[in-house]
Amino acid sequence: MTILTLTYPTIDPVLIEIGPFAIRWYALSYIAGILLAWRYMLVLARRSPVGITKAHTDDFIVWATLGVVLGGRFGYVVFYKADYFLAHPLEAFAVWQGGMSFHGGLLGVIFSIWLFSRLRNYSWIAIGDIVACTAPIGLCLGRIANFINGELYGRVTDSPLGMVFPGGGPLPRHPSQLYQAALEGLILFLILAWFASRPGAFERRGFLSGVFLVGYGVARPIAEFFREPDAHIGFLAMGTTMGQVLSLPLFALGIWLIVTSRKNVSP
């Protein structure tokens, strides 16, 4: 029986290459995500009572970028390959070899928000609400870049949505990167945009951050049912994956922020 599948659109991960200089789609996804998040943050800052200036918003983007890169690498080292990097500690700094973790990047951005707000005398939770609304932009673009790279593909499937990925063996697999781009990126962005447009959303400090964490805490575990677990980790207890386990505390924290935001209303 022939299984009907979609054709994987082979795209060179390198957009432009001139001698030793190369521009990769993955790098462009980070740059585009940061730039779009910065512009959207300027729009949201006008709705928020936190009073962050344009100059400080511009400044914060540098902080956020460092948080994403350093935190993302730290999370990958600690959550996904701790044993390997304990044996090869210097390779933990070789970010050009790949290996980033969303959960680590989130921790890095949270720390950046806290430190930036402390130094600039802003409410870090209020700044976090603005940043949370922009986060799905980078998530969406990053997952599309994963798809272009043919990495982090899904589990073997007989679904007509299956694709044969280079390096993924001869059997069709779910394009789980696109599922994640839709769930964690587009849909979560639209949900947050709707809530952000509601009167009083930014006055309830922590509410939008909570919506983001709950949304991601639901979207990521769903997508993990279609995504192939990391080969060096595999499945955990009761068939769960590392991505699902790491998302549980985010979901719980999001619920707590939403509930407590009713008592944390800015004047």
Protein backbone atom coordinates (compact mmCIF):
# COMPACT_ATOMS: atom_id res chain seq x y z
CA MET A 1 0.00 0.00 0.00
CA THR A 2 1.35 3.41 -0.96
CA ILE A 3 1.21 6.06 1.73
CA LEU A 4 0.31 9.51 0.42
CA THR A 5 2.60 12.16 1.85
CA LEU A 6 3.55 15.76 1.28
CA THR A 7 6.81 16.56 -0.45
CA TYR A 8 9.38 18.14 1.82
CA PRO A 9 10.37 21.43 0.16
CA THR A 10 14.14 21.16 0.28
CA ILE A 11 15.49 24.63 1.03
CA ASP A 12 19.17 25.38 1.46
CA PRO A 13 19.68 26.38 5.13
CA VAL A 14 22.21 28.92 3.84
CA LEU A 15 20.51 31.84 2.12
CA ILE A 16 23.66 33.56 0.86
CA GLU A 17 27.25 32.33 0.90
CA ILE A 18 30.21 34.43 -0.22
CA GLY A 19 33.51 32.73 0.55
CA PRO A 20 33.67 32.09 4.31
CA PHE A 21 30.73 34.44 4.89
CA ALA A 22 27.30 32.81 5.08
CA ILE A 23 23.83 34.04 6.02
CA ARG A 24 21.64 31.24 7.37
CA TRP A 25 17.88 31.18 7.62
CA TYR A 26 18.18 30.22 11.29
CA ALA A 27 20.19 33.34 12.09
CA LEU A 28 17.76 35.45 10.09
CA SER A 29 14.86 34.04 12.12
CA TYR A 30 16.51 35.32 15.32
CA ILE A 31 17.23 38.73 13.80
CA ALA A 32 13.74 39.11 12.32
CA GLY A 33 12.10 37.90 15.53
CA ILE A 34 14.02 40.42 17.63
CA LEU A 35 13.33 43.32 15.25
CA LEU A 36 9.60 42.56 14.95
CA ALA A 37 9.30 42.05 18.71
CA TRP A 38 11.01 45.42 19.25
CA ARG A 39 8.58 47.25 16.95
CA TYR A 40 5.57 45.53 18.50
CA MET A 41 6.88 46.29 21.98
CA LEU A 42 6.90 50.00 21.11
CA VAL A 43 3.21 49.75 20.19
CA LEU A 44 2.30 47.86 23.37
CA ALA A 45 4.30 50.21 25.57
CA ARG A 46 1.86 52.99 24.68
CA ARG A 47 -1.01 50.93 26.10
CA SER A 48 0.78 50.01 29.31
CA PRO A 49 0.76 52.22 32.40
CA VAL A 50 4.35 51.21 33.17
CA GLY A 51 5.58 54.32 31.33
CA ILE A 52 8.63 52.81 29.65
CA THR A 53 10.27 55.31 27.30
CA LYS A 54 11.23 54.63 23.69
CA ALA A 55 14.90 54.99 24.55
CA HIS A 56 14.59 52.43 27.33
CA THR A 57 12.62 50.10 25.05
CA ASP A 58 15.41 50.31 22.48
CA ASP A 59 17.92 49.61 25.23
CA PHE A 60 15.98 46.63 26.55
CA ILE A 61 16.11 44.81 23.22
CA VAL A 62 19.87 44.38 23.71
CA TRP A 63 19.22 42.93 27.16
CA ALA A 64 16.55 40.59 25.80
CA THR A 65 18.83 39.40 22.99
CA LEU A 66 21.55 38.48 25.47
CA GLY A 67 18.96 36.74 27.63
CA VAL A 68 17.67 34.67 24.72
CA VAL A 69 21.10 33.61 23.47
CA LEU A 70 22.87 33.02 26.79
CA GLY A 71 19.82 31.56 28.51
CA GLY A 72 18.94 29.40 25.52
CA ARG A 73 22.42 27.92 25.43
CA PHE A 74 22.52 27.47 29.20
CA GLY A 75 19.19 25.64 29.10
CA TYR A 76 20.37 23.33 26.32
CA VAL A 77 23.53 22.48 28.24
CA VAL A 78 21.75 21.85 31.55
CA PHE A 79 18.42 20.36 30.47
CA TYR A 80 19.38 18.33 27.42
CA LYS A 81 23.09 17.41 27.41
CA ALA A 82 24.41 17.87 30.93
CA ASP A 83 26.44 14.65 30.94
CA TYR A 84 28.08 15.44 27.62
CA PHE A 85 29.09 18.98 28.55
CA LEU A 86 30.38 17.90 31.94
CA ALA A 87 32.81 15.73 30.00
CA HIS A 88 33.47 18.47 27.37
CA PRO A 89 32.99 21.78 29.28
CA LEU A 90 34.64 24.04 26.71
CA GLU A 91 32.14 22.97 24.03
CA ALA A 92 29.36 24.53 26.10
CA PHE A 93 30.53 27.89 24.72
CA ALA A 94 30.49 26.74 21.07
CA VAL A 95 27.10 28.27 20.27
CA TRP A 96 27.92 28.22 16.54
CA GLN A 97 27.59 24.44 16.62
CA GLY A 98 23.88 24.78 17.47
CA GLY A 99 21.88 23.73 20.47
CA MET A 100 19.38 26.11 22.10
CA SER A 101 16.54 25.58 24.56
CA PHE A 102 13.36 27.64 24.70
CA HIS A 103 12.96 27.03 28.43
CA GLY A 104 16.51 28.22 29.05
CA GLY A 105 15.95 31.24 26.82
CA LEU A 106 12.81 32.05 28.79
CA LEU A 107 14.76 31.99 32.05
CA GLY A 108 17.39 34.23 30.45
CA VAL A 109 14.80 36.76 29.33
CA ILE A 110 13.08 36.74 32.73
CA PHE A 111 16.40 37.51 34.39
CA SER A 112 17.06 40.26 31.83
CA ILE A 113 13.63 41.79 32.53
CA TRP A 114 14.21 41.67 36.29
CA LEU A 115 17.69 43.21 36.16
CA PHE A 116 16.77 45.84 33.55
CA SER A 117 13.65 46.89 35.49
CA ARG A 118 15.58 47.06 38.75
CA LEU A 119 18.22 49.34 37.22
CA ARG A 120 15.65 51.51 35.38
CA ASN A 121 13.13 51.60 38.24
CA TYR A 122 10.24 49.88 36.43
CA SER A 123 7.85 47.18 37.59
CA TRP A 124 9.45 44.03 36.21
CA ILE A 125 6.11 42.23 36.08
CA ALA A 126 4.61 45.06 34.02
CA ILE A 127 7.57 44.96 31.62
CA GLY A 128 7.15 41.20 31.48
CA ASP A 129 3.55 41.60 30.32
CA ILE A 130 4.70 43.64 27.34
CA VAL A 131 7.49 41.22 26.46
CA ALA A 132 5.19 38.19 26.82
CA CYS A 133 2.95 39.49 24.03
CA THR A 134 5.91 39.68 21.66
CA ALA A 135 7.44 36.28 22.45
CA PRO A 136 5.30 34.21 20.02
CA ILE A 137 6.79 36.15 17.11
CA GLY A 138 10.24 34.69 17.71
CA LEU A 139 8.81 31.27 18.50
CA CYS A 140 6.97 31.13 15.17
CA LEU A 141 9.96 32.24 13.10
CA GLY A 142 12.32 29.94 14.99
CA ARG A 143 10.17 26.86 14.32
CA ILE A 144 9.92 27.75 10.64
CA ALA A 145 13.72 27.94 10.59
CA ASN A 146 13.87 24.49 12.22
CA PHE A 147 11.67 23.22 9.39
CA ILE A 148 13.95 24.75 6.75
CA ASN A 149 16.94 23.13 8.46
CA GLY A 150 15.16 19.76 8.44
CA GLU A 151 15.74 19.39 12.19
CA LEU A 152 13.52 18.66 15.20
CA TYR A 153 11.16 16.76 12.91
CA GLY A 154 8.19 14.71 14.06
CA ARG A 155 7.45 11.08 14.70
CA VAL A 156 6.84 8.54 11.96
CA THR A 157 3.28 8.75 10.65
CA ASP A 158 0.95 7.41 7.96
CA SER A 159 -0.90 10.74 7.98
CA PRO A 160 -1.17 12.53 4.61
CA LEU A 161 0.61 15.41 6.34
CA GLY A 162 3.76 13.30 6.69
CA MET A 163 7.02 14.25 4.99
CA VAL A 164 10.29 12.42 4.41
CA PHE A 165 12.92 14.64 6.02
CA PRO A 166 16.58 14.57 5.00
CA GLY A 167 18.36 12.77 7.80
CA GLY A 168 15.09 11.48 9.22
CA GLY A 169 15.14 8.10 7.54
CA PRO A 170 13.01 6.77 4.68
CA LEU A 171 9.65 6.94 6.47
CA PRO A 172 7.36 9.99 6.47
CA ARG A 173 7.22 12.03 9.64
CA HIS A 174 5.01 14.76 11.06
CA PRO A 175 6.22 18.28 10.18
CA SER A 176 6.00 19.03 13.90
CA GLN A 177 8.04 22.21 13.50
CA LEU A 178 5.11 23.71 11.58
CA TYR A 179 2.65 22.49 14.20
CA GLN A 180 4.72 24.29 16.82
CA ALA A 181 4.98 27.41 14.65
CA ALA A 182 1.18 27.48 14.47
CA LEU A 183 0.43 26.58 18.11
CA GLU A 184 3.24 28.34 19.99
CA GLY A 185 3.58 31.12 17.45
CA LEU A 186 0.60 32.26 15.40
CA ILE A 187 -2.29 31.09 17.58
CA LEU A 188 -0.68 32.16 20.85
CA PHE A 189 0.20 35.53 19.32
CA LEU A 190 -3.42 36.11 18.28
CA ILE A 191 -4.72 35.09 21.72
CA LEU A 192 -2.35 37.49 23.47
CA ALA A 193 -3.12 40.28 20.98
CA TRP A 194 -6.83 39.87 21.72
CA PHE A 195 -6.32 39.97 25.47
CA ALA A 196 -3.92 42.92 25.15
CA SER A 197 -6.60 44.86 23.28
CA ARG A 198 -9.11 44.44 26.11
CA PRO A 199 -9.60 47.37 28.51
CA GLY A 200 -7.58 47.00 31.70
CA ALA A 201 -5.42 44.11 30.49
CA PHE A 202 -2.13 45.87 31.22
CA GLU A 203 -3.41 47.28 34.51
CA ARG A 204 -3.64 43.72 35.88
CA ARG A 205 0.10 43.20 36.27
CA GLY A 206 1.11 39.66 35.52
CA PHE A 207 -2.08 38.74 33.67
CA LEU A 208 -0.67 38.76 30.13
CA SER A 209 2.49 37.00 31.28
CA GLY A 210 0.26 34.36 32.82
CA VAL A 211 -1.74 33.96 29.61
CA PHE A 212 1.48 33.45 27.67
CA LEU A 213 2.81 30.83 30.11
CA VAL A 214 -0.48 28.96 30.22
CA GLY A 215 -0.77 29.10 26.44
CA TYR A 216 2.74 27.82 25.93
CA GLY A 217 2.26 25.27 28.71
CA VAL A 218 -0.63 23.82 26.70
CA ALA A 219 0.72 24.25 23.15
CA ARG A 220 4.16 22.72 23.69
CA PRO A 221 2.95 19.45 25.30
CA ILE A 222 0.39 19.01 22.52
CA ALA A 223 3.06 19.48 19.86
CA GLU A 224 5.35 17.05 21.69
CA PHE A 225 2.89 14.23 20.94
CA PHE A 226 3.91 14.63 17.28
CA ARG A 227 7.57 15.56 17.71
CA GLU A 228 10.36 12.98 17.78
CA PRO A 229 12.06 13.07 21.20
CA ASP A 230 15.75 13.93 21.32
CA ALA A 231 17.66 10.75 20.49
CA HIS A 232 20.01 11.02 23.47
CA ILE A 233 17.09 11.49 25.90
CA GLY A 234 14.17 9.57 24.43
CA PHE A 235 10.95 9.17 26.35
CA LEU A 236 10.75 9.79 30.08
CA ALA A 237 8.34 8.36 32.67
CA MET A 238 4.90 7.36 31.34
CA GLY A 239 5.92 8.20 27.78
CA THR A 240 6.43 11.90 28.43
CA THR A 241 9.15 13.99 26.83
CA MET A 242 11.57 16.54 28.26
CA GLY A 243 9.65 19.34 26.53
CA GLN A 244 6.43 18.29 28.25
CA VAL A 245 8.05 17.97 31.66
CA LEU A 246 9.67 21.39 31.43
CA SER A 247 6.37 22.96 30.36
CA LEU A 248 4.43 21.81 33.43
CA PRO A 249 5.93 24.37 35.83
CA LEU A 250 5.35 27.10 33.24
CA PHE A 251 1.66 26.21 33.08
CA ALA A 252 1.40 26.23 36.90
CA LEU A 253 3.22 29.57 37.15
CA GLY A 254 0.93 31.03 34.48
CA ILE A 255 -2.18 30.03 36.43
CA TRP A 256 -0.73 31.60 39.56
CA LEU A 257 0.04 34.87 37.75
CA ILE A 258 -3.46 35.07 36.26
CA VAL A 259 -5.11 34.48 39.65
CA THR A 260 -2.87 36.91 41.57
CA SER A 261 -3.15 39.60 38.87
CA ARG A 262 -6.63 40.41 40.21
CA LYS A 263 -4.99 41.69 43.37
CA ASN A 264 -2.05 43.26 41.55
CA VAL A 265 -3.79 46.12 39.75
CA SER A 266 -1.71 49.20 38.94
CA PRO A 267 -3.28 52.60 39.55
